[in-house]
Amino acid sequence: MDSNKEYTIVHIDDDAETINLVKLILAPRRFKVVGAANGEEGLAAIRRLNPDLVLLDLMMPDLDGWEVYHQIRAIPEFQDIPVIVITARNENIDRVLGLHIAKVDAYITKPFRGQELLECIDKVIPVTD
């Protein structure tokens, strides 16, 4: 990760408290976190900002996280944006589906530790010095 670059993250989650928590965790770093309260809002933010990373909740009303993920991957210019799932779905089958079938970049279950989120982000955003 380039220490001089500000990275843009779109965080799609219907829980405003989770978005605020992530903003607090990432505030000391060079991350601009843009929250989106639902899938449609999140897709619009991705189109507008072309972010460096997407944080995505799976369980949302209307357009769920998997549908949002598939729509992101269907747009050629967004196919390489890393996606980290942050969800309360903590069954092993959900993790396997996410990591091995859908090929998300990382899968974090709620509640999560700030250090866990930072370590995942460090792994998925390419280092460019």
C-alpha atoms as a PDB file:
ATOM      1  CA  MET A   1       0.000   0.000   0.000  1.00  0.00           C
ATOM      2  CA  ASP A   2       1.310   3.439  -0.938  1.00  0.00           C
ATOM      3  CA  SER A   3       1.513   5.442   2.285  1.00  0.00           C
ATOM      4  CA  ASN A   4       0.931   8.736   0.423  1.00  0.00           C
ATOM      5  CA  LYS A   5      -2.236   7.723  -1.422  1.00  0.00           C
ATOM      6  CA  GLU A   6      -5.726   8.163  -0.022  1.00  0.00           C
ATOM      7  CA  TYR A   7      -7.700   4.978  -0.663  1.00  0.00           C
ATOM      8  CA  THR A   8     -11.441   5.063  -1.289  1.00  0.00           C
ATOM      9  CA  ILE A   9     -13.575   2.342   0.263  1.00  0.00           C
ATOM     10  CA  VAL A  10     -17.283   1.873  -0.381  1.00  0.00           C
ATOM     11  CA  HIS A  11     -18.887   0.131   2.602  1.00  0.00           C
ATOM     12  CA  ILE A  12     -22.328  -1.297   1.783  1.00  0.00           C
ATOM     13  CA  ASP A  13     -24.238  -2.223   4.930  1.00  0.00           C
ATOM     14  CA  ASP A  14     -27.785  -1.551   6.112  1.00  0.00           C
ATOM     15  CA  ASP A  15     -26.447  -1.110   9.657  1.00  0.00           C
ATOM     16  CA  ALA A  16     -25.251   2.483  10.079  1.00  0.00           C
ATOM     17  CA  GLU A  17     -23.463   1.567  13.341  1.00  0.00           C
ATOM     18  CA  THR A  18     -21.235  -0.925  11.510  1.00  0.00           C
ATOM     19  CA  ILE A  19     -20.358   1.669   8.869  1.00  0.00           C
ATOM     20  CA  ASN A  20     -19.503   4.187  11.615  1.00  0.00           C
ATOM     21  CA  LEU A  21     -17.386   1.597  13.443  1.00  0.00           C
ATOM     22  CA  VAL A  22     -15.422   0.864  10.271  1.00  0.00           C
ATOM     23  CA  LYS A  23     -14.908   4.599   9.698  1.00  0.00           C
ATOM     24  CA  LEU A  24     -13.487   4.899  13.236  1.00  0.00           C
ATOM     25  CA  ILE A  25     -11.193   1.899  12.770  1.00  0.00           C
ATOM     26  CA  LEU A  26      -9.870   3.209   9.455  1.00  0.00           C
ATOM     27  CA  ALA A  27      -9.674   6.909  10.390  1.00  0.00           C
ATOM     28  CA  PRO A  28      -5.993   6.809  11.433  1.00  0.00           C
ATOM     29  CA  ARG A  29      -5.083   5.392   8.036  1.00  0.00           C
ATOM     30  CA  ARG A  30      -5.423   7.034   4.643  1.00  0.00           C
ATOM     31  CA  PHE A  31      -8.858   5.579   3.918  1.00  0.00           C
ATOM     32  CA  LYS A  32     -11.884   7.557   2.797  1.00  0.00           C
ATOM     33  CA  VAL A  33     -14.880   5.385   3.708  1.00  0.00           C
ATOM     34  CA  VAL A  34     -18.123   6.115   1.874  1.00  0.00           C
ATOM     35  CA  GLY A  35     -21.121   4.398   3.432  1.00  0.00           C
ATOM     36  CA  ALA A  36     -24.081   3.047   1.486  1.00  0.00           C
ATOM     37  CA  ALA A  37     -27.229   1.891   3.294  1.00  0.00           C
ATOM     38  CA  ASN A  38     -28.370  -0.624   0.671  1.00  0.00           C
ATOM     39  CA  GLY A  39     -27.309  -2.456  -2.467  1.00  0.00           C
ATOM     40  CA  GLU A  40     -28.630   0.063  -4.982  1.00  0.00           C
ATOM     41  CA  GLU A  41     -26.961   2.955  -3.159  1.00  0.00           C
ATOM     42  CA  GLY A  42     -23.754   0.918  -2.979  1.00  0.00           C
ATOM     43  CA  LEU A  43     -23.728   0.123  -6.694  1.00  0.00           C
ATOM     44  CA  ALA A  44     -24.309   3.810  -7.479  1.00  0.00           C
ATOM     45  CA  ALA A  45     -21.373   4.763  -5.211  1.00  0.00           C
ATOM     46  CA  ILE A  46     -19.136   2.186  -6.903  1.00  0.00           C
ATOM     47  CA  ARG A  47     -20.030   3.535 -10.349  1.00  0.00           C
ATOM     48  CA  ARG A  48     -19.431   7.115  -9.173  1.00  0.00           C
ATOM     49  CA  LEU A  49     -16.190   6.567  -7.224  1.00  0.00           C
ATOM     50  CA  ASN A  50     -14.503   3.501  -8.757  1.00  0.00           C
ATOM     51  CA  PRO A  51     -13.181   2.634  -5.256  1.00  0.00           C
ATOM     52  CA  ASP A  52     -10.016   0.795  -4.277  1.00  0.00           C
ATOM     53  CA  LEU A  53     -12.038  -1.622  -2.113  1.00  0.00           C
ATOM     54  CA  VAL A  54     -15.634  -2.640  -1.377  1.00  0.00           C
ATOM     55  CA  LEU A  55     -16.757  -3.820   2.061  1.00  0.00           C
ATOM     56  CA  LEU A  56     -20.015  -5.700   1.636  1.00  0.00           C
ATOM     57  CA  ASP A  57     -22.662  -6.990   4.021  1.00  0.00           C
ATOM     58  CA  LEU A  58     -24.585 -10.021   2.755  1.00  0.00           C
ATOM     59  CA  MET A  59     -27.872  -9.690   4.605  1.00  0.00           C
ATOM     60  CA  MET A  60     -29.658  -6.592   3.388  1.00  0.00           C
ATOM     61  CA  PRO A  61     -33.268  -5.978   2.385  1.00  0.00           C
ATOM     62  CA  ASP A  62     -34.208  -5.732  -1.284  1.00  0.00           C
ATOM     63  CA  LEU A  63     -30.872  -6.308  -3.024  1.00  0.00           C
ATOM     64  CA  ASP A  64     -28.774  -8.694  -0.912  1.00  0.00           C
ATOM     65  CA  GLY A  65     -24.994  -8.700  -0.795  1.00  0.00           C
ATOM     66  CA  TRP A  66     -24.544 -11.664  -3.142  1.00  0.00           C
ATOM     67  CA  GLU A  67     -26.598  -9.938  -5.835  1.00  0.00           C
ATOM     68  CA  VAL A  68     -24.564  -6.751  -5.357  1.00  0.00           C
ATOM     69  CA  TYR A  69     -21.361  -8.797  -5.617  1.00  0.00           C
ATOM     70  CA  HIS A  70     -22.480 -10.454  -8.856  1.00  0.00           C
ATOM     71  CA  GLN A  71     -23.446  -7.093 -10.335  1.00  0.00           C
ATOM     72  CA  ILE A  72     -20.029  -5.639  -9.439  1.00  0.00           C
ATOM     73  CA  ARG A  73     -18.296  -8.591 -11.098  1.00  0.00           C
ATOM     74  CA  ALA A  74     -20.485  -8.249 -14.211  1.00  0.00           C
ATOM     75  CA  ILE A  75     -19.129  -4.751 -14.931  1.00  0.00           C
ATOM     76  CA  PRO A  76     -15.749  -5.136 -16.683  1.00  0.00           C
ATOM     77  CA  GLU A  77     -14.135  -2.010 -15.229  1.00  0.00           C
ATOM     78  CA  PHE A  78     -15.025  -3.109 -11.677  1.00  0.00           C
ATOM     79  CA  GLN A  79     -14.058  -6.793 -11.892  1.00  0.00           C
ATOM     80  CA  ASP A  80     -10.687  -6.210 -10.252  1.00  0.00           C
ATOM     81  CA  ILE A  81     -11.943  -4.203  -7.274  1.00  0.00           C
ATOM     82  CA  PRO A  82     -11.269  -6.277  -4.147  1.00  0.00           C
ATOM     83  CA  VAL A  83     -14.356  -7.191  -2.126  1.00  0.00           C
ATOM     84  CA  ILE A  84     -14.295  -8.062   1.568  1.00  0.00           C
ATOM     85  CA  VAL A  85     -17.522  -9.513   2.922  1.00  0.00           C
ATOM     86  CA  ILE A  86     -18.393  -8.386   6.465  1.00  0.00           C
ATOM     87  CA  THR A  87     -21.416 -10.335   7.640  1.00  0.00           C
ATOM     88  CA  ALA A  88     -23.199 -11.926  10.563  1.00  0.00           C
ATOM     89  CA  ARG A  89     -23.475 -15.130   8.503  1.00  0.00           C
ATOM     90  CA  ASN A  90     -20.860 -17.257  10.223  1.00  0.00           C
ATOM     91  CA  GLU A  91     -21.731 -20.788   9.090  1.00  0.00           C
ATOM     92  CA  ASN A  92     -18.864 -22.658   7.450  1.00  0.00           C
ATOM     93  CA  ILE A  93     -20.940 -23.156   4.301  1.00  0.00           C
ATOM     94  CA  ASP A  94     -21.316 -19.374   3.950  1.00  0.00           C
ATOM     95  CA  ARG A  95     -17.563 -18.900   4.268  1.00  0.00           C
ATOM     96  CA  VAL A  96     -16.878 -21.659   1.701  1.00  0.00           C
ATOM     97  CA  LEU A  97     -19.421 -20.174  -0.710  1.00  0.00           C
ATOM     98  CA  GLY A  98     -17.875 -16.737  -0.320  1.00  0.00           C
ATOM     99  CA  LEU A  99     -14.198 -17.595  -0.509  1.00  0.00           C
ATOM    100  CA  HIS A 100     -14.118 -20.625  -2.790  1.00  0.00           C
ATOM    101  CA  ILE A 101     -17.217 -20.403  -4.968  1.00  0.00           C
ATOM    102  CA  ALA A 102     -17.863 -16.663  -5.344  1.00  0.00           C
ATOM    103  CA  LYS A 103     -14.147 -15.840  -4.893  1.00  0.00           C
ATOM    104  CA  VAL A 104     -14.516 -12.827  -2.614  1.00  0.00           C
ATOM    105  CA  ASP A 105     -11.147 -11.537  -1.438  1.00  0.00           C
ATOM    106  CA  ALA A 106     -11.836 -11.988   2.279  1.00  0.00           C
ATOM    107  CA  TYR A 107     -14.693 -12.991   4.571  1.00  0.00           C
ATOM    108  CA  ILE A 108     -15.096 -11.451   8.038  1.00  0.00           C
ATOM    109  CA  THR A 109     -17.872 -12.352  10.449  1.00  0.00           C
ATOM    110  CA  LYS A 110     -19.559  -9.920  12.821  1.00  0.00           C
ATOM    111  CA  PRO A 111     -18.661  -9.099  15.483  1.00  0.00           C
ATOM    112  CA  PHE A 112     -15.120  -8.498  14.269  1.00  0.00           C
ATOM    113  CA  ARG A 113     -11.974  -6.975  15.713  1.00  0.00           C
ATOM    114  CA  GLY A 114     -10.511  -3.827  14.217  1.00  0.00           C
ATOM    115  CA  GLN A 115      -7.148  -5.543  13.780  1.00  0.00           C
ATOM    116  CA  GLU A 116      -8.806  -8.335  11.793  1.00  0.00           C
ATOM    117  CA  LEU A 117     -10.278  -5.794   9.372  1.00  0.00           C
ATOM    118  CA  LEU A 118      -6.955  -3.967   9.009  1.00  0.00           C
ATOM    119  CA  GLU A 119      -5.103  -7.222   8.315  1.00  0.00           C
ATOM    120  CA  CYS A 120      -7.620  -8.200   5.630  1.00  0.00           C
ATOM    121  CA  ILE A 121      -7.369  -4.805   3.966  1.00  0.00           C
ATOM    122  CA  ASP A 122      -3.565  -4.987   4.004  1.00  0.00           C
ATOM    123  CA  LYS A 123      -3.791  -8.340   2.192  1.00  0.00           C
ATOM    124  CA  VAL A 124      -6.201  -7.290  -0.555  1.00  0.00           C
ATOM    125  CA  ILE A 125      -5.125  -3.767  -1.519  1.00  0.00           C
ATOM    126  CA  PRO A 126      -2.062  -4.072  -3.711  1.00  0.00           C
ATOM    127  CA  VAL A 127       1.131  -2.451  -2.499  1.00  0.00           C
ATOM    128  CA  THR A 128       2.271   0.370  -4.785  1.00  0.00           C
ATOM    129  CA  ASP A 129       5.324   2.260  -3.599  1.00  0.00           C
END
